Amino acid sequence: MAFGLGPRRHCFKGLIGGEDWAIELTATEFQDFCRLAAQLADTMAAMASDLMDAERLTCEAESETLWLEAEGYPDAFSLRVLLLTGRQAEGGWPAAVVPELLRAIPGLMLC
C-alpha cells in the first residue's frame, strides 16, 4: 500500500496506491480523498447497528475531483477510488488493508 504526501512537490503533492498501482494526486484531490475516506468509514460504522450480521453495505461519496466506494461489512470493507479529473485513474484496497489506510489519514498535513 502506498500513501503519502510530498508538500514540496510542484503539481502532484499526494500519492495513493495499492499492491500493483499508484496515482499521484494534486493537493485538492488528496484533501478530497482524505475527507471522503474518513466520511465513508464513519458512515459504515454508523450503519452497524441497523444491519443483520451477514448483511453487506455499499456506500459512495463523491467530490468534484474523485469518487470513493466502501463495500463490505461495517467492520471490514474494501475501498475503491476513481479519479474524476482529466487523468481518469482507478484503484482500490482490499478490506485487510483499509484500517491501516484510515489510521494514516489524520497524521497527514493536508488532510
PDB file of N, CA and C in Angstrom:
ATOM      1  N   MET A   1       0.843  -1.167   0.000  1.00  0.00           N
ATOM      2  CA  MET A   1       0.000   0.000   0.000  1.00  0.00           C
ATOM      3  C   MET A   1       0.887   1.228   0.000  1.00  0.00           C
ATOM      4  N   ALA A   2       0.646   2.136  -0.913  1.00  0.00           N
ATOM      5  CA  ALA A   2       1.356   3.410  -0.965  1.00  0.00           C
ATOM      6  C   ALA A   2       0.401   4.511  -0.561  1.00  0.00           C
ATOM      7  N   PHE A   3       0.892   5.421   0.261  1.00  0.00           N
ATOM      8  CA  PHE A   3       0.049   6.512   0.712  1.00  0.00           C
ATOM      9  C   PHE A   3       0.972   7.559   1.284  1.00  0.00           C
ATOM     10  N   GLY A   4       0.904   8.766   0.789  1.00  0.00           N
ATOM     11  CA  GLY A   4       1.803   9.755   1.332  1.00  0.00           C
ATOM     12  C   GLY A   4       1.602  11.133   0.777  1.00  0.00           C
ATOM     13  N   LEU A   5       2.429  12.015   1.267  1.00  0.00           N
ATOM     14  CA  LEU A   5       2.311  13.420   0.965  1.00  0.00           C
ATOM     15  C   LEU A   5       3.696  13.997   0.745  1.00  0.00           C
ATOM     16  N   GLY A   6       3.865  14.751  -0.328  1.00  0.00           N
ATOM     17  CA  GLY A   6       5.116  15.438  -0.610  1.00  0.00           C
ATOM     18  C   GLY A   6       4.844  16.913  -0.786  1.00  0.00           C
ATOM     19  N   PRO A   7       4.721  17.685   0.306  1.00  0.00           N
ATOM     20  CA  PRO A   7       4.292  19.078   0.215  1.00  0.00           C
ATOM     21  C   PRO A   7       5.201  19.975  -0.618  1.00  0.00           C
ATOM     22  N   ARG A   8       6.430  19.576  -0.851  1.00  0.00           N
ATOM     23  CA  ARG A   8       7.351  20.415  -1.639  1.00  0.00           C
ATOM     24  C   ARG A   8       7.230  20.166  -3.139  1.00  0.00           C
ATOM     25  N   ARG A   9       6.508  19.139  -3.511  1.00  0.00           N
ATOM     26  CA  ARG A   9       6.321  18.848  -4.934  1.00  0.00           C
ATOM     27  C   ARG A   9       5.464  19.936  -5.562  1.00  0.00           C
ATOM     28  N   HIS A  10       5.675  20.201  -6.849  1.00  0.00           N
ATOM     29  CA  HIS A  10       5.011  21.318  -7.516  1.00  0.00           C
ATOM     30  C   HIS A  10       3.529  21.053  -7.788  1.00  0.00           C
ATOM     31  N   CYS A  11       3.196  20.091  -8.577  1.00  0.00           N
ATOM     32  CA  CYS A  11       1.807  19.866  -9.000  1.00  0.00           C
ATOM     33  C   CYS A  11       1.142  18.739  -8.219  1.00  0.00           C
ATOM     34  N   PHE A  12       1.767  17.584  -8.186  1.00  0.00           N
ATOM     35  CA  PHE A  12       1.176  16.415  -7.544  1.00  0.00           C
ATOM     36  C   PHE A  12       1.794  16.232  -6.163  1.00  0.00           C
ATOM     37  N   LYS A  13       1.022  16.560  -5.145  1.00  0.00           N
ATOM     38  CA  LYS A  13       1.542  16.567  -3.776  1.00  0.00           C
ATOM     39  C   LYS A  13       1.209  15.311  -2.997  1.00  0.00           C
ATOM     40  N   GLY A  14       0.294  14.504  -3.485  1.00  0.00           N
ATOM     41  CA  GLY A  14      -0.105  13.299  -2.772  1.00  0.00           C
ATOM     42  C   GLY A  14       0.090  12.059  -3.621  1.00  0.00           C
ATOM     43  N   LEU A  15       0.160  10.916  -2.959  1.00  0.00           N
ATOM     44  CA  LEU A  15       0.293   9.637  -3.643  1.00  0.00           C
ATOM     45  C   LEU A  15      -0.556   8.615  -2.907  1.00  0.00           C
ATOM     46  N   ILE A  16      -1.386   7.918  -3.662  1.00  0.00           N
ATOM     47  CA  ILE A  16      -2.115   6.782  -3.125  1.00  0.00           C
ATOM     48  C   ILE A  16      -1.814   5.592  -4.014  1.00  0.00           C
ATOM     49  N   GLY A  17      -1.869   4.404  -3.451  1.00  0.00           N
ATOM     50  CA  GLY A  17      -1.581   3.241  -4.268  1.00  0.00           C
ATOM     51  C   GLY A  17      -1.876   1.955  -3.543  1.00  0.00           C
ATOM     52  N   GLY A  18      -1.835   0.895  -4.297  1.00  0.00           N
ATOM     53  CA  GLY A  18      -2.076  -0.433  -3.772  1.00  0.00           C
ATOM     54  C   GLY A  18      -0.944  -1.360  -4.147  1.00  0.00           C
ATOM     55  N   GLU A  19      -1.250  -2.629  -4.189  1.00  0.00           N
ATOM     56  CA  GLU A  19      -0.227  -3.639  -4.457  1.00  0.00           C
ATOM     57  C   GLU A  19       0.436  -3.475  -5.817  1.00  0.00           C
ATOM     58  N   ASP A  20      -0.342  -3.131  -6.837  1.00  0.00           N
ATOM     59  CA  ASP A  20       0.221  -3.032  -8.185  1.00  0.00           C
ATOM     60  C   ASP A  20      -0.228  -1.789  -8.941  1.00  0.00           C
ATOM     61  N   TRP A  21      -0.508  -0.726  -8.220  1.00  0.00           N
ATOM     62  CA  TRP A  21      -0.917   0.520  -8.849  1.00  0.00           C
ATOM     63  C   TRP A  21      -0.574   1.702  -7.942  1.00  0.00           C
ATOM     64  N   ALA A  22      -0.483   2.892  -8.526  1.00  0.00           N
ATOM     65  CA  ALA A  22      -0.273   4.129  -7.771  1.00  0.00           C
ATOM     66  C   ALA A  22      -0.797   5.300  -8.599  1.00  0.00           C
ATOM     67  N   ILE A  23      -1.301   6.316  -7.904  1.00  0.00           N
ATOM     68  CA  ILE A  23      -1.816   7.518  -8.550  1.00  0.00           C
ATOM     69  C   ILE A  23      -1.278   8.727  -7.795  1.00  0.00           C
ATOM     70  N   GLU A  24      -0.666   9.663  -8.509  1.00  0.00           N
ATOM     71  CA  GLU A  24      -0.283  10.928  -7.906  1.00  0.00           C
ATOM     72  C   GLU A  24      -1.507  11.835  -7.908  1.00  0.00           C
ATOM     73  N   LEU A  25      -1.678  12.585  -6.811  1.00  0.00           N
ATOM     74  CA  LEU A  25      -2.828  13.467  -6.662  1.00  0.00           C
ATOM     75  C   LEU A  25      -2.393  14.901  -6.414  1.00  0.00           C
ATOM     76  N   THR A  26      -3.199  15.838  -6.897  1.00  0.00           N
ATOM     77  CA  THR A  26      -2.984  17.241  -6.544  1.00  0.00           C
ATOM     78  C   THR A  26      -3.357  17.413  -5.077  1.00  0.00           C
ATOM     79  N   ALA A  27      -3.033  18.562  -4.500  1.00  0.00           N
ATOM     80  CA  ALA A  27      -3.380  18.830  -3.104  1.00  0.00           C
ATOM     81  C   ALA A  27      -4.896  18.752  -2.902  1.00  0.00           C
ATOM     82  N   THR A  28      -5.667  19.294  -3.816  1.00  0.00           N
ATOM     83  CA  THR A  28      -7.129  19.259  -3.698  1.00  0.00           C
ATOM     84  C   THR A  28      -7.646  17.834  -3.777  1.00  0.00           C
ATOM     85  N   GLU A  29      -7.140  17.055  -4.725  1.00  0.00           N
ATOM     86  CA  GLU A  29      -7.556  15.658  -4.845  1.00  0.00           C
ATOM     87  C   GLU A  29      -7.211  14.879  -3.584  1.00  0.00           C
ATOM     88  N   PHE A  30      -6.014  15.117  -3.050  1.00  0.00           N
ATOM     89  CA  PHE A  30      -5.580  14.405  -1.851  1.00  0.00           C
ATOM     90  C   PHE A  30      -6.443  14.783  -0.650  1.00  0.00           C
ATOM     91  N   GLN A  31      -6.746  16.062  -0.501  1.00  0.00           N
ATOM     92  CA  GLN A  31      -7.623  16.503   0.584  1.00  0.00           C
ATOM     93  C   GLN A  31      -9.006  15.871   0.450  1.00  0.00           C
ATOM     94  N   ASP A  32      -9.538  15.838  -0.770  1.00  0.00           N
ATOM     95  CA  ASP A  32     -10.840  15.210  -1.007  1.00  0.00           C
ATOM     96  C   ASP A  32     -10.791  13.727  -0.664  1.00  0.00           C
ATOM     97  N   PHE A  33      -9.711  13.060  -1.060  1.00  0.00           N
ATOM     98  CA  PHE A  33      -9.575  11.643  -0.745  1.00  0.00           C
ATOM     99  C   PHE A  33      -9.606  11.418   0.772  1.00  0.00           C
ATOM    100  N   CYS A  34      -8.817  12.174   1.501  1.00  0.00           N
ATOM    101  CA  CYS A  34      -8.757  12.023   2.960  1.00  0.00           C
ATOM    102  C   CYS A  34     -10.121  12.269   3.595  1.00  0.00           C
ATOM    103  N   ARG A  35     -10.774  13.347   3.186  1.00  0.00           N
ATOM    104  CA  ARG A  35     -12.078  13.708   3.750  1.00  0.00           C
ATOM    105  C   ARG A  35     -13.132  12.656   3.440  1.00  0.00           C
ATOM    106  N   LEU A  36     -13.214  12.220   2.193  1.00  0.00           N
ATOM    107  CA  LEU A  36     -14.238  11.257   1.795  1.00  0.00           C
ATOM    108  C   LEU A  36     -13.985   9.870   2.377  1.00  0.00           C
ATOM    109  N   ALA A  37     -12.731   9.457   2.475  1.00  0.00           N
ATOM    110  CA  ALA A  37     -12.426   8.154   3.074  1.00  0.00           C
ATOM    111  C   ALA A  37     -12.847   8.134   4.535  1.00  0.00           C
ATOM    112  N   ALA A  38     -12.544   9.210   5.268  1.00  0.00           N
ATOM    113  CA  ALA A  38     -12.953   9.292   6.674  1.00  0.00           C
ATOM    114  C   ALA A  38     -14.471   9.338   6.791  1.00  0.00           C
ATOM    115  N   GLN A  39     -15.118  10.060   5.895  1.00  0.00           N
ATOM    116  CA  GLN A  39     -16.588  10.149   5.886  1.00  0.00           C
ATOM    117  C   GLN A  39     -17.207   8.772   5.648  1.00  0.00           C
ATOM    118  N   LEU A  40     -16.684   8.025   4.697  1.00  0.00           N
ATOM    119  CA  LEU A  40     -17.203   6.684   4.423  1.00  0.00           C
ATOM    120  C   LEU A  40     -16.986   5.747   5.606  1.00  0.00           C
ATOM    121  N   ALA A  41     -15.838   5.830   6.245  1.00  0.00           N
ATOM    122  CA  ALA A  41     -15.576   4.990   7.419  1.00  0.00           C
ATOM    123  C   ALA A  41     -16.581   5.299   8.523  1.00  0.00           C
ATOM    124  N   ASP A  42     -16.864   6.569   8.750  1.00  0.00           N
ATOM    125  CA  ASP A  42     -17.850   6.962   9.758  1.00  0.00           C
ATOM    126  C   ASP A  42     -19.243   6.456   9.396  1.00  0.00           C
ATOM    127  N   THR A  43     -19.606   6.555   8.130  1.00  0.00           N
ATOM    128  CA  THR A  43     -20.913   6.082   7.670  1.00  0.00           C
ATOM    129  C   THR A  43     -21.044   4.579   7.842  1.00  0.00           C
ATOM    130  N   MET A  44     -20.008   3.847   7.472  1.00  0.00           N
ATOM    131  CA  MET A  44     -20.050   2.389   7.631  1.00  0.00           C
ATOM    132  C   MET A  44     -20.211   2.018   9.101  1.00  0.00           C
ATOM    133  N   ALA A  45     -19.482   2.672   9.983  1.00  0.00           N
ATOM    134  CA  ALA A  45     -19.572   2.383  11.417  1.00  0.00           C
ATOM    135  C   ALA A  45     -20.964   2.727  11.952  1.00  0.00           C
ATOM    136  N   ALA A  46     -21.533   3.833  11.507  1.00  0.00           N
ATOM    137  CA  ALA A  46     -22.855   4.259  11.969  1.00  0.00           C
ATOM    138  C   ALA A  46     -23.953   3.288  11.541  1.00  0.00           C
ATOM    139  N   MET A  47     -23.757   2.595  10.435  1.00  0.00           N
ATOM    140  CA  MET A  47     -24.767   1.667   9.916  1.00  0.00           C
ATOM    141  C   MET A  47     -24.739   0.307  10.615  1.00  0.00           C
ATOM    142  N   ALA A  48     -23.729   0.029  11.393  1.00  0.00           N
ATOM    143  CA  ALA A  48     -23.559  -1.292  12.011  1.00  0.00           C
ATOM    144  C   ALA A  48     -24.779  -1.731  12.818  1.00  0.00           C
ATOM    145  N   SER A  49     -25.366  -0.829  13.574  1.00  0.00           N
ATOM    146  CA  SER A  49     -26.497  -1.207  14.425  1.00  0.00           C
ATOM    147  C   SER A  49     -27.781  -1.443  13.635  1.00  0.00           C
ATOM    148  N   ASP A  50     -27.829  -1.018  12.389  1.00  0.00           N
ATOM    149  CA  ASP A  50     -29.024  -1.182  11.558  1.00  0.00           C
ATOM    150  C   ASP A  50     -28.999  -2.429  10.683  1.00  0.00           C
ATOM    151  N   LEU A  51     -27.921  -3.212  10.744  1.00  0.00           N
ATOM    152  CA  LEU A  51     -27.762  -4.357   9.848  1.00  0.00           C
ATOM    153  C   LEU A  51     -27.835  -5.676  10.594  1.00  0.00           C
ATOM    154  N   MET A  52     -28.246  -6.699   9.862  1.00  0.00           N
ATOM    155  CA  MET A  52     -28.152  -8.057  10.398  1.00  0.00           C
ATOM    156  C   MET A  52     -26.703  -8.514  10.237  1.00  0.00           C
ATOM    157  N   ASP A  53     -26.311  -9.560  10.960  1.00  0.00           N
ATOM    158  CA  ASP A  53     -24.909  -9.993  10.990  1.00  0.00           C
ATOM    159  C   ASP A  53     -24.302 -10.239   9.617  1.00  0.00           C
ATOM    160  N   ALA A  54     -24.993 -10.856   8.703  1.00  0.00           N
ATOM    161  CA  ALA A  54     -24.433 -11.218   7.403  1.00  0.00           C
ATOM    162  C   ALA A  54     -24.722 -10.183   6.317  1.00  0.00           C
ATOM    163  N   GLU A  55     -25.293  -9.064   6.686  1.00  0.00           N
ATOM    164  CA  GLU A  55     -25.674  -8.058   5.694  1.00  0.00           C
ATOM    165  C   GLU A  55     -24.485  -7.168   5.334  1.00  0.00           C
ATOM    166  N   ARG A  56     -24.292  -6.984   4.015  1.00  0.00           N
ATOM    167  CA  ARG A  56     -23.194  -6.163   3.496  1.00  0.00           C
ATOM    168  C   ARG A  56     -23.741  -4.808   3.052  1.00  0.00           C
ATOM    169  N   LEU A  57     -22.863  -3.831   3.019  1.00  0.00           N
ATOM    170  CA  LEU A  57     -23.203  -2.467   2.607  1.00  0.00           C
ATOM    171  C   LEU A  57     -22.371  -2.027   1.421  1.00  0.00           C
ATOM    172  N   THR A  58     -22.910  -1.098   0.671  1.00  0.00           N
ATOM    173  CA  THR A  58     -22.137  -0.350  -0.313  1.00  0.00           C
ATOM    174  C   THR A  58     -22.486   1.114  -0.105  1.00  0.00           C
ATOM    175  N   CYS A  59     -21.494   1.923   0.184  1.00  0.00           N
ATOM    176  CA  CYS A  59     -21.681   3.360   0.372  1.00  0.00           C
ATOM    177  C   CYS A  59     -20.742   4.095  -0.577  1.00  0.00           C
ATOM    178  N   GLU A  60     -21.214   5.211  -1.100  1.00  0.00           N
ATOM    179  CA  GLU A  60     -20.425   6.021  -2.021  1.00  0.00           C
ATOM    180  C   GLU A  60     -20.329   7.446  -1.513  1.00  0.00           C
ATOM    181  N   ALA A  61     -19.238   8.098  -1.854  1.00  0.00           N
ATOM    182  CA  ALA A  61     -19.050   9.521  -1.579  1.00  0.00           C
ATOM    183  C   ALA A  61     -18.316  10.115  -2.776  1.00  0.00           C
ATOM    184  N   GLU A  62     -18.632  11.361  -3.110  1.00  0.00           N
ATOM    185  CA  GLU A  62     -18.068  11.964  -4.321  1.00  0.00           C
ATOM    186  C   GLU A  62     -17.803  13.448  -4.100  1.00  0.00           C
ATOM    187  N   SER A  63     -16.756  13.923  -4.743  1.00  0.00           N
ATOM    188  CA  SER A  63     -16.456  15.360  -4.807  1.00  0.00           C
ATOM    189  C   SER A  63     -16.310  15.699  -6.288  1.00  0.00           C
ATOM    190  N   GLU A  64     -15.902  16.908  -6.573  1.00  0.00           N
ATOM    191  CA  GLU A  64     -15.658  17.277  -7.966  1.00  0.00           C
ATOM    192  C   GLU A  64     -14.449  16.558  -8.542  1.00  0.00           C
ATOM    193  N   THR A  65     -13.545  16.092  -7.673  1.00  0.00           N
ATOM    194  CA  THR A  65     -12.292  15.507  -8.161  1.00  0.00           C
ATOM    195  C   THR A  65     -12.248  13.990  -8.125  1.00  0.00           C
ATOM    196  N   LEU A  66     -12.985  13.362  -7.194  1.00  0.00           N
ATOM    197  CA  LEU A  66     -12.928  11.900  -7.123  1.00  0.00           C
ATOM    198  C   LEU A  66     -14.170  11.294  -6.496  1.00  0.00           C
ATOM    199  N   TRP A  67     -14.288   9.979  -6.692  1.00  0.00           N
ATOM    200  CA  TRP A  67     -15.413   9.181  -6.191  1.00  0.00           C
ATOM    201  C   TRP A  67     -14.824   8.022  -5.400  1.00  0.00           C
ATOM    202  N   LEU A  68     -15.399   7.756  -4.240  1.00  0.00           N
ATOM    203  CA  LEU A  68     -14.969   6.634  -3.409  1.00  0.00           C
ATOM    204  C   LEU A  68     -16.163   5.738  -3.113  1.00  0.00           C
ATOM    205  N   GLU A  69     -15.876   4.442  -2.988  1.00  0.00           N
ATOM    206  CA  GLU A  69     -16.895   3.467  -2.643  1.00  0.00           C
ATOM    207  C   GLU A  69     -16.350   2.546  -1.562  1.00  0.00           C
ATOM    208  N   ALA A  70     -17.134   2.363  -0.509  1.00  0.00           N
ATOM    209  CA  ALA A  70     -16.836   1.376   0.529  1.00  0.00           C
ATOM    210  C   ALA A  70     -17.822   0.237   0.343  1.00  0.00           C
ATOM    211  N   GLU A  71     -17.306  -1.016   0.357  1.00  0.00           N
ATOM    212  CA  GLU A  71     -18.180  -2.169   0.136  1.00  0.00           C
ATOM    213  C   GLU A  71     -17.775  -3.287   1.077  1.00  0.00           C
ATOM    214  N   GLY A  72     -18.748  -3.796   1.812  1.00  0.00           N
ATOM    215  CA  GLY A  72     -18.482  -4.902   2.724  1.00  0.00           C
ATOM    216  C   GLY A  72     -19.274  -4.769   3.997  1.00  0.00           C
ATOM    217  N   TYR A  73     -18.662  -5.159   5.095  1.00  0.00           N
ATOM    218  CA  TYR A  73     -19.284  -5.108   6.412  1.00  0.00           C
ATOM    219  C   TYR A  73     -18.800  -3.858   7.144  1.00  0.00           C
ATOM    220  N   PRO A  74     -19.571  -3.354   8.097  1.00  0.00           N
ATOM    221  CA  PRO A  74     -19.152  -2.137   8.794  1.00  0.00           C
ATOM    222  C   PRO A  74     -17.753  -2.220   9.413  1.00  0.00           C
ATOM    223  N   ASP A  75     -17.330  -3.409   9.815  1.00  0.00           N
ATOM    224  CA  ASP A  75     -16.017  -3.551  10.436  1.00  0.00           C
ATOM    225  C   ASP A  75     -14.959  -4.152   9.507  1.00  0.00           C
ATOM    226  N   ALA A  76     -15.322  -4.399   8.252  1.00  0.00           N
ATOM    227  CA  ALA A  76     -14.381  -4.977   7.272  1.00  0.00           C
ATOM    228  C   ALA A  76     -14.881  -4.674   5.862  1.00  0.00           C
ATOM    229  N   PHE A  77     -14.379  -3.589   5.298  1.00  0.00           N
ATOM    230  CA  PHE A  77     -14.848  -3.191   3.971  1.00  0.00           C
ATOM    231  C   PHE A  77     -13.681  -2.821   3.064  1.00  0.00           C
ATOM    232  N   SER A  78     -13.884  -3.038   1.771  1.00  0.00           N
ATOM    233  CA  SER A  78     -12.904  -2.621   0.771  1.00  0.00           C
ATOM    234  C   SER A  78     -13.199  -1.172   0.397  1.00  0.00           C
ATOM    235  N   LEU A  79     -12.238  -0.541  -0.222  1.00  0.00           N
ATOM    236  CA  LEU A  79     -12.372   0.854  -0.632  1.00  0.00           C
ATOM    237  C   LEU A  79     -11.900   0.968  -2.070  1.00  0.00           C
ATOM    238  N   ARG A  80     -12.683   1.653  -2.891  1.00  0.00           N
ATOM    239  CA  ARG A  80     -12.336   1.853  -4.299  1.00  0.00           C
ATOM    240  C   ARG A  80     -12.380   3.338  -4.605  1.00  0.00           C
ATOM    241  N   VAL A  81     -11.451   3.807  -5.409  1.00  0.00           N
ATOM    242  CA  VAL A  81     -11.365   5.225  -5.761  1.00  0.00           C
ATOM    243  C   VAL A  81     -11.314   5.380  -7.274  1.00  0.00           C
ATOM    244  N   LEU A  82     -12.032   6.371  -7.781  1.00  0.00           N
ATOM    245  CA  LEU A  82     -11.982   6.772  -9.189  1.00  0.00           C
ATOM    246  C   LEU A  82     -11.619   8.246  -9.231  1.00  0.00           C
ATOM    247  N   LEU A  83     -10.612   8.589  -9.991  1.00  0.00           N
ATOM    248  CA  LEU A  83     -10.228   9.978 -10.179  1.00  0.00           C
ATOM    249  C   LEU A  83     -11.096  10.548 -11.287  1.00  0.00           C
ATOM    250  N   LEU A  84     -11.748  11.669 -11.041  1.00  0.00           N
ATOM    251  CA  LEU A  84     -12.695  12.233 -11.992  1.00  0.00           C
ATOM    252  C   LEU A  84     -12.133  13.391 -12.794  1.00  0.00           C
ATOM    253  N   THR A  85     -10.883  13.713 -12.575  1.00  0.00           N
ATOM    254  CA  THR A  85     -10.267  14.808 -13.324  1.00  0.00           C
ATOM    255  C   THR A  85      -9.754  14.271 -14.657  1.00  0.00           C
ATOM    256  N   GLY A  86      -9.070  15.076 -15.411  1.00  0.00           N
ATOM    257  CA  GLY A  86      -8.633  14.699 -16.748  1.00  0.00           C
ATOM    258  C   GLY A  86      -7.768  13.459 -16.845  1.00  0.00           C
ATOM    259  N   ARG A  87      -7.157  13.015 -15.736  1.00  0.00           N
ATOM    260  CA  ARG A  87      -6.258  11.860 -15.791  1.00  0.00           C
ATOM    261  C   ARG A  87      -7.001  10.528 -15.759  1.00  0.00           C
ATOM    262  N   GLN A  88      -8.221  10.484 -15.265  1.00  0.00           N
ATOM    263  CA  GLN A  88      -9.042   9.262 -15.259  1.00  0.00           C
ATOM    264  C   GLN A  88      -8.292   8.028 -14.756  1.00  0.00           C
ATOM    265  N   ALA A  89      -8.168   7.899 -13.476  1.00  0.00           N
ATOM    266  CA  ALA A  89      -7.470   6.766 -12.871  1.00  0.00           C
ATOM    267  C   ALA A  89      -8.397   6.054 -11.887  1.00  0.00           C
ATOM    268  N   GLU A  90      -8.059   4.792 -11.592  1.00  0.00           N
ATOM    269  CA  GLU A  90      -8.862   3.979 -10.687  1.00  0.00           C
ATOM    270  C   GLU A  90      -7.959   3.070  -9.870  1.00  0.00           C
ATOM    271  N   GLY A  91      -8.360   2.808  -8.633  1.00  0.00           N
ATOM    272  CA  GLY A  91      -7.619   1.894  -7.778  1.00  0.00           C
ATOM    273  C   GLY A  91      -8.483   1.439  -6.621  1.00  0.00           C
ATOM    274  N   GLY A  92      -7.960   0.528  -5.833  1.00  0.00           N
ATOM    275  CA  GLY A  92      -8.729   0.048  -4.696  1.00  0.00           C
ATOM    276  C   GLY A  92      -7.867  -0.713  -3.708  1.00  0.00           C
ATOM    277  N   TRP A  93      -8.413  -0.889  -2.514  1.00  0.00           N
ATOM    278  CA  TRP A  93      -7.743  -1.601  -1.436  1.00  0.00           C
ATOM    279  C   TRP A  93      -8.676  -2.676  -0.890  1.00  0.00           C
ATOM    280  N   PRO A  94      -8.157  -3.856  -0.624  1.00  0.00           N
ATOM    281  CA  PRO A  94      -8.969  -4.901  -0.002  1.00  0.00           C
ATOM    282  C   PRO A  94      -9.232  -4.558   1.469  1.00  0.00           C
ATOM    283  N   ALA A  95     -10.254  -5.190   2.023  1.00  0.00           N
ATOM    284  CA  ALA A  95     -10.652  -4.920   3.408  1.00  0.00           C
ATOM    285  C   ALA A  95      -9.502  -5.092   4.397  1.00  0.00           C
ATOM    286  N   ALA A  96      -8.580  -5.988   4.127  1.00  0.00           N
ATOM    287  CA  ALA A  96      -7.484  -6.264   5.061  1.00  0.00           C
ATOM    288  C   ALA A  96      -6.561  -5.066   5.279  1.00  0.00           C
ATOM    289  N   VAL A  97      -6.433  -4.163   4.314  1.00  0.00           N
ATOM    290  CA  VAL A  97      -5.521  -3.027   4.461  1.00  0.00           C
ATOM    291  C   VAL A  97      -6.225  -1.703   4.723  1.00  0.00           C
ATOM    292  N   VAL A  98      -7.534  -1.657   4.578  1.00  0.00           N
ATOM    293  CA  VAL A  98      -8.265  -0.397   4.760  1.00  0.00           C
ATOM    294  C   VAL A  98      -8.083   0.184   6.165  1.00  0.00           C
ATOM    295  N   PRO A  99      -8.123  -0.597   7.245  1.00  0.00           N
ATOM    296  CA  PRO A  99      -7.911   0.010   8.575  1.00  0.00           C
ATOM    297  C   PRO A  99      -6.569   0.750   8.685  1.00  0.00           C
ATOM    298  N   GLU A 100      -5.515   0.177   8.132  1.00  0.00           N
ATOM    299  CA  GLU A 100      -4.203   0.835   8.164  1.00  0.00           C
ATOM    300  C   GLU A 100      -4.239   2.142   7.373  1.00  0.00           C
ATOM    301  N   LEU A 101      -4.879   2.124   6.229  1.00  0.00           N
ATOM    302  CA  LEU A 101      -5.025   3.315   5.398  1.00  0.00           C
ATOM    303  C   LEU A 101      -5.770   4.403   6.166  1.00  0.00           C
ATOM    304  N   LEU A 102      -6.885   4.052   6.793  1.00  0.00           N
ATOM    305  CA  LEU A 102      -7.682   5.019   7.529  1.00  0.00           C
ATOM    306  C   LEU A 102      -6.934   5.577   8.741  1.00  0.00           C
ATOM    307  N   ARG A 103      -6.121   4.760   9.394  1.00  0.00           N
ATOM    308  CA  ARG A 103      -5.328   5.247  10.537  1.00  0.00           C
ATOM    309  C   ARG A 103      -4.263   6.256  10.108  1.00  0.00           C
ATOM    310  N   ALA A 104      -3.784   6.148   8.871  1.00  0.00           N
ATOM    311  CA  ALA A 104      -2.738   7.052   8.388  1.00  0.00           C
ATOM    312  C   ALA A 104      -3.278   8.453   8.045  1.00  0.00           C
ATOM    313  N   ILE A 105      -4.529   8.549   7.707  1.00  0.00           N
ATOM    314  CA  ILE A 105      -5.088   9.814   7.219  1.00  0.00           C
ATOM    315  C   ILE A 105      -4.950  10.968   8.205  1.00  0.00           C
ATOM    316  N   PRO A 106      -5.322  10.847   9.473  1.00  0.00           N
ATOM    317  CA  PRO A 106      -5.250  12.013  10.367  1.00  0.00           C
ATOM    318  C   PRO A 106      -3.842  12.586  10.558  1.00  0.00           C
ATOM    319  N   GLY A 107      -2.815  11.803  10.349  1.00  0.00           N
ATOM    320  CA  GLY A 107      -1.450  12.273  10.561  1.00  0.00           C
ATOM    321  C   GLY A 107      -0.854  13.048   9.394  1.00  0.00           C
ATOM    322  N   LEU A 108      -1.595  13.194   8.320  1.00  0.00           N
ATOM    323  CA  LEU A 108      -1.063  13.884   7.136  1.00  0.00           C
ATOM    324  C   LEU A 108      -1.409  15.366   7.181  1.00  0.00           C
ATOM    325  N   MET A 109      -0.457  16.187   6.801  1.00  0.00           N
ATOM    326  CA  MET A 109      -0.606  17.637   6.951  1.00  0.00           C
ATOM    327  C   MET A 109      -1.758  18.228   6.160  1.00  0.00           C
ATOM    328  N   LEU A 110      -1.998  17.786   4.951  1.00  0.00           N
ATOM    329  CA  LEU A 110      -3.027  18.423   4.118  1.00  0.00           C
ATOM    330  C   LEU A 110      -4.436  17.975   4.466  1.00  0.00           C
ATOM    331  N   CYS A 111      -4.589  16.886   5.208  1.00  0.00           N
ATOM    332  CA  CYS A 111      -5.934  16.362   5.488  1.00  0.00           C
ATOM    333  C   CYS A 111      -6.600  17.127   6.594  1.00  0.00           C
TER     334      CYS A 111
END
